[in-house]
Amino acid sequence: MELSDFDFNSTLHSQHSTLLKECKVIKIEMTESQGQLLNEILDRVLSDLRMEIAATDSPFYKDKLRERKEGIISVMALLKGKS
């Protein structure tokens, strides 16, 4: 599957929990610089997400944001393991 086949917003935002539950494995090959760029992007998203979690009053929404945060952290850990 090519990188361009994904709509990353919908995959990371609304489907990451489903993907994790189904245990599907997606393999993506990228250069080291592409991996570093992806890690930087995820780091920025994670920072924004932490601020959004802190500012959210709804317990349900806060839990969903925390799930997303854990998904992003797990992807970042995978990237660090490969670089």
N, C-alpha and C. Protein backbone atom coordinates (compact mmCIF):
# COMPACT_ATOMS: atom_id res chain seq x y z
N MET A 1 0.84 -1.17 0.00
CA MET A 1 0.00 0.00 0.00
C MET A 1 0.89 1.24 0.00
N GLU A 2 0.61 2.14 -0.87
CA GLU A 2 1.41 3.35 -1.00
C GLU A 2 1.00 4.37 0.06
N LEU A 3 1.93 5.22 0.44
CA LEU A 3 1.69 6.28 1.38
C LEU A 3 0.56 7.18 0.91
N SER A 4 0.47 7.39 -0.40
CA SER A 4 -0.56 8.28 -0.95
C SER A 4 -1.95 7.67 -0.88
N ASP A 5 -2.07 6.39 -0.57
CA ASP A 5 -3.37 5.74 -0.48
C ASP A 5 -4.12 6.10 0.80
N PHE A 6 -3.47 6.78 1.72
CA PHE A 6 -4.08 7.08 3.00
C PHE A 6 -4.56 8.52 3.08
N ASP A 7 -5.67 8.71 3.71
CA ASP A 7 -6.11 10.03 4.14
C ASP A 7 -5.71 10.08 5.61
N PHE A 8 -4.53 10.66 5.90
CA PHE A 8 -3.99 10.58 7.25
C PHE A 8 -4.88 11.25 8.29
N ASN A 9 -5.59 12.32 7.92
CA ASN A 9 -6.46 12.95 8.90
C ASN A 9 -7.52 11.99 9.39
N SER A 10 -8.20 11.32 8.47
CA SER A 10 -9.25 10.40 8.91
C SER A 10 -8.65 9.17 9.56
N THR A 11 -7.51 8.69 9.08
CA THR A 11 -6.91 7.50 9.67
C THR A 11 -6.47 7.77 11.10
N LEU A 12 -5.73 8.84 11.30
CA LEU A 12 -5.23 9.12 12.64
C LEU A 12 -6.32 9.65 13.56
N HIS A 13 -7.25 10.41 13.00
CA HIS A 13 -8.25 11.05 13.86
C HIS A 13 -9.37 10.12 14.26
N SER A 14 -10.01 9.47 13.30
CA SER A 14 -11.22 8.74 13.63
C SER A 14 -11.10 7.24 13.55
N GLN A 15 -10.03 6.72 12.97
CA GLN A 15 -9.95 5.29 12.79
C GLN A 15 -8.79 4.63 13.52
N HIS A 16 -7.93 5.38 14.19
CA HIS A 16 -6.76 4.74 14.79
C HIS A 16 -7.15 3.72 15.85
N SER A 17 -8.22 3.98 16.60
CA SER A 17 -8.66 3.01 17.60
C SER A 17 -9.14 1.73 16.92
N THR A 18 -9.87 1.89 15.83
CA THR A 18 -10.36 0.72 15.10
C THR A 18 -9.20 -0.08 14.54
N LEU A 19 -8.22 0.59 13.97
CA LEU A 19 -7.06 -0.11 13.42
C LEU A 19 -6.31 -0.86 14.50
N LEU A 20 -6.16 -0.25 15.66
CA LEU A 20 -5.45 -0.91 16.74
C LEU A 20 -6.23 -2.12 17.24
N LYS A 21 -7.55 -1.99 17.35
CA LYS A 21 -8.37 -3.09 17.82
C LYS A 21 -8.35 -4.27 16.85
N GLU A 22 -8.31 -3.97 15.56
CA GLU A 22 -8.29 -5.02 14.56
C GLU A 22 -6.90 -5.60 14.35
N CYS A 23 -5.88 -4.96 14.91
CA CYS A 23 -4.50 -5.41 14.83
C CYS A 23 -4.01 -5.54 13.39
N LYS A 24 -4.45 -4.66 12.53
CA LYS A 24 -3.93 -4.66 11.18
C LYS A 24 -2.52 -4.10 11.19
N VAL A 25 -1.67 -4.63 10.37
CA VAL A 25 -0.30 -4.16 10.27
C VAL A 25 -0.14 -3.47 8.93
N ILE A 26 0.36 -2.24 8.99
CA ILE A 26 0.62 -1.48 7.78
C ILE A 26 2.11 -1.18 7.77
N LYS A 27 2.76 -1.53 6.69
CA LYS A 27 4.19 -1.27 6.57
C LYS A 27 4.40 -0.15 5.57
N ILE A 28 5.21 0.82 5.98
CA ILE A 28 5.54 1.95 5.14
C ILE A 28 7.05 2.08 5.10
N GLU A 29 7.59 2.17 3.92
CA GLU A 29 9.02 2.41 3.79
C GLU A 29 9.25 3.88 3.52
N MET A 30 10.25 4.44 4.22
CA MET A 30 10.59 5.84 4.01
C MET A 30 12.06 6.04 4.32
N THR A 31 12.57 7.13 3.81
CA THR A 31 13.97 7.45 4.08
C THR A 31 14.09 7.93 5.53
N GLU A 32 15.32 7.98 6.01
CA GLU A 32 15.56 8.46 7.36
C GLU A 32 15.06 9.90 7.52
N SER A 33 15.29 10.73 6.52
CA SER A 33 14.85 12.13 6.62
C SER A 33 13.32 12.22 6.61
N GLN A 34 12.66 11.35 5.87
CA GLN A 34 11.20 11.33 5.89
C GLN A 34 10.70 10.88 7.27
N GLY A 35 11.37 9.92 7.87
CA GLY A 35 11.02 9.47 9.21
C GLY A 35 11.20 10.57 10.24
N GLN A 36 12.28 11.33 10.10
CA GLN A 36 12.52 12.45 11.01
C GLN A 36 11.44 13.52 10.84
N LEU A 37 11.06 13.79 9.60
CA LEU A 37 10.01 14.77 9.33
C LEU A 37 8.69 14.30 9.93
N LEU A 38 8.34 13.05 9.73
CA LEU A 38 7.10 12.51 10.29
C LEU A 38 7.13 12.60 11.81
N ASN A 39 8.26 12.31 12.42
CA ASN A 39 8.38 12.41 13.87
C ASN A 39 8.19 13.86 14.34
N GLU A 40 8.75 14.82 13.62
CA GLU A 40 8.57 16.23 13.97
C GLU A 40 7.10 16.64 13.86
N ILE A 41 6.43 16.18 12.82
CA ILE A 41 5.02 16.50 12.64
C ILE A 41 4.19 15.90 13.78
N LEU A 42 4.46 14.65 14.10
CA LEU A 42 3.73 14.00 15.19
C LEU A 42 4.00 14.67 16.52
N ASP A 43 5.23 15.15 16.73
CA ASP A 43 5.57 15.85 17.96
C ASP A 43 4.76 17.13 18.10
N ARG A 44 4.59 17.86 17.01
CA ARG A 44 3.77 19.09 17.03
C ARG A 44 2.30 18.76 17.30
N VAL A 45 1.81 17.71 16.65
CA VAL A 45 0.42 17.29 16.87
C VAL A 45 0.23 16.88 18.32
N LEU A 46 1.18 16.17 18.87
CA LEU A 46 1.11 15.73 20.26
C LEU A 46 1.07 16.92 21.21
N SER A 47 1.87 17.91 20.95
CA SER A 47 1.88 19.12 21.78
C SER A 47 0.52 19.81 21.74
N ASP A 48 -0.04 19.96 20.54
CA ASP A 48 -1.37 20.57 20.41
C ASP A 48 -2.43 19.74 21.11
N LEU A 49 -2.31 18.44 20.98
CA LEU A 49 -3.28 17.53 21.59
C LEU A 49 -3.25 17.63 23.11
N ARG A 50 -2.07 17.74 23.67
CA ARG A 50 -1.96 17.88 25.13
C ARG A 50 -2.66 19.15 25.61
N MET A 51 -2.51 20.24 24.85
CA MET A 51 -3.19 21.49 25.21
C MET A 51 -4.70 21.34 25.08
N GLU A 52 -5.14 20.64 24.04
CA GLU A 52 -6.58 20.42 23.84
C GLU A 52 -7.16 19.56 24.97
N ILE A 53 -6.43 18.55 25.40
CA ILE A 53 -6.88 17.69 26.50
C ILE A 53 -7.04 18.53 27.77
N ALA A 54 -6.07 19.38 28.04
CA ALA A 54 -6.12 20.22 29.24
C ALA A 54 -7.29 21.20 29.21
N ALA A 55 -7.67 21.66 28.03
CA ALA A 55 -8.73 22.65 27.90
C ALA A 55 -10.12 22.05 27.74
N THR A 56 -10.21 20.74 27.65
CA THR A 56 -11.49 20.08 27.39
C THR A 56 -12.21 19.77 28.69
N ASP A 57 -13.50 20.09 28.73
CA ASP A 57 -14.32 19.83 29.92
C ASP A 57 -15.04 18.49 29.85
N SER A 58 -15.36 18.03 28.66
CA SER A 58 -16.14 16.81 28.49
C SER A 58 -15.28 15.57 28.79
N PRO A 59 -15.67 14.78 29.79
CA PRO A 59 -14.90 13.57 30.11
C PRO A 59 -14.83 12.59 28.94
N PHE A 60 -15.93 12.43 28.21
CA PHE A 60 -15.96 11.52 27.06
C PHE A 60 -14.96 11.98 25.99
N TYR A 61 -15.02 13.26 25.65
CA TYR A 61 -14.12 13.79 24.62
C TYR A 61 -12.67 13.73 25.10
N LYS A 62 -12.46 14.01 26.37
CA LYS A 62 -11.12 13.95 26.94
C LYS A 62 -10.55 12.53 26.83
N ASP A 63 -11.38 11.52 27.09
CA ASP A 63 -10.94 10.13 26.96
C ASP A 63 -10.57 9.81 25.51
N LYS A 64 -11.37 10.29 24.56
CA LYS A 64 -11.08 10.05 23.14
C LYS A 64 -9.77 10.73 22.75
N LEU A 65 -9.53 11.93 23.24
CA LEU A 65 -8.27 12.63 22.97
C LEU A 65 -7.08 11.89 23.57
N ARG A 66 -7.28 11.35 24.76
CA ARG A 66 -6.20 10.58 25.40
C ARG A 66 -5.88 9.32 24.60
N GLU A 67 -6.91 8.66 24.07
CA GLU A 67 -6.68 7.49 23.22
C GLU A 67 -5.87 7.88 21.99
N ARG A 68 -6.23 9.00 21.40
CA ARG A 68 -5.50 9.48 20.23
C ARG A 68 -4.05 9.79 20.59
N LYS A 69 -3.86 10.42 21.76
CA LYS A 69 -2.51 10.74 22.22
C LYS A 69 -1.67 9.48 22.36
N GLU A 70 -2.23 8.44 22.93
CA GLU A 70 -1.51 7.18 23.09
C GLU A 70 -1.17 6.56 21.74
N GLY A 71 -2.08 6.69 20.77
CA GLY A 71 -1.80 6.20 19.43
C GLY A 71 -0.63 6.93 18.79
N ILE A 72 -0.60 8.23 18.96
CA ILE A 72 0.49 9.04 18.39
C ILE A 72 1.81 8.68 19.07
N ILE A 73 1.77 8.53 20.39
CA ILE A 73 2.98 8.16 21.12
C ILE A 73 3.51 6.80 20.65
N SER A 74 2.61 5.86 20.38
CA SER A 74 3.05 4.54 19.94
C SER A 74 3.67 4.60 18.54
N VAL A 75 3.14 5.44 17.67
CA VAL A 75 3.73 5.61 16.33
C VAL A 75 5.11 6.25 16.45
N MET A 76 5.23 7.24 17.33
CA MET A 76 6.52 7.89 17.53
C MET A 76 7.56 6.90 18.07
N ALA A 77 7.12 6.01 18.95
CA ALA A 77 8.03 5.00 19.49
C ALA A 77 8.51 4.07 18.38
N LEU A 78 7.62 3.70 17.49
CA LEU A 78 8.01 2.87 16.36
C LEU A 78 9.04 3.59 15.48
N LEU A 79 8.82 4.87 15.25
CA LEU A 79 9.76 5.64 14.42
C LEU A 79 11.13 5.72 15.09
N LYS A 80 11.15 5.92 16.38
CA LYS A 80 12.43 6.01 17.09
C LYS A 80 13.17 4.69 17.07
N GLY A 81 12.42 3.60 17.09
CA GLY A 81 13.03 2.28 17.05
C GLY A 81 13.65 1.97 15.70
N LYS A 82 13.19 2.66 14.65
CA LYS A 82 13.68 2.41 13.29
C LYS A 82 14.79 3.35 12.89
N SER A 83 14.96 4.48 13.63
CA SER A 83 15.99 5.44 13.19
C SER A 83 17.31 5.21 13.86
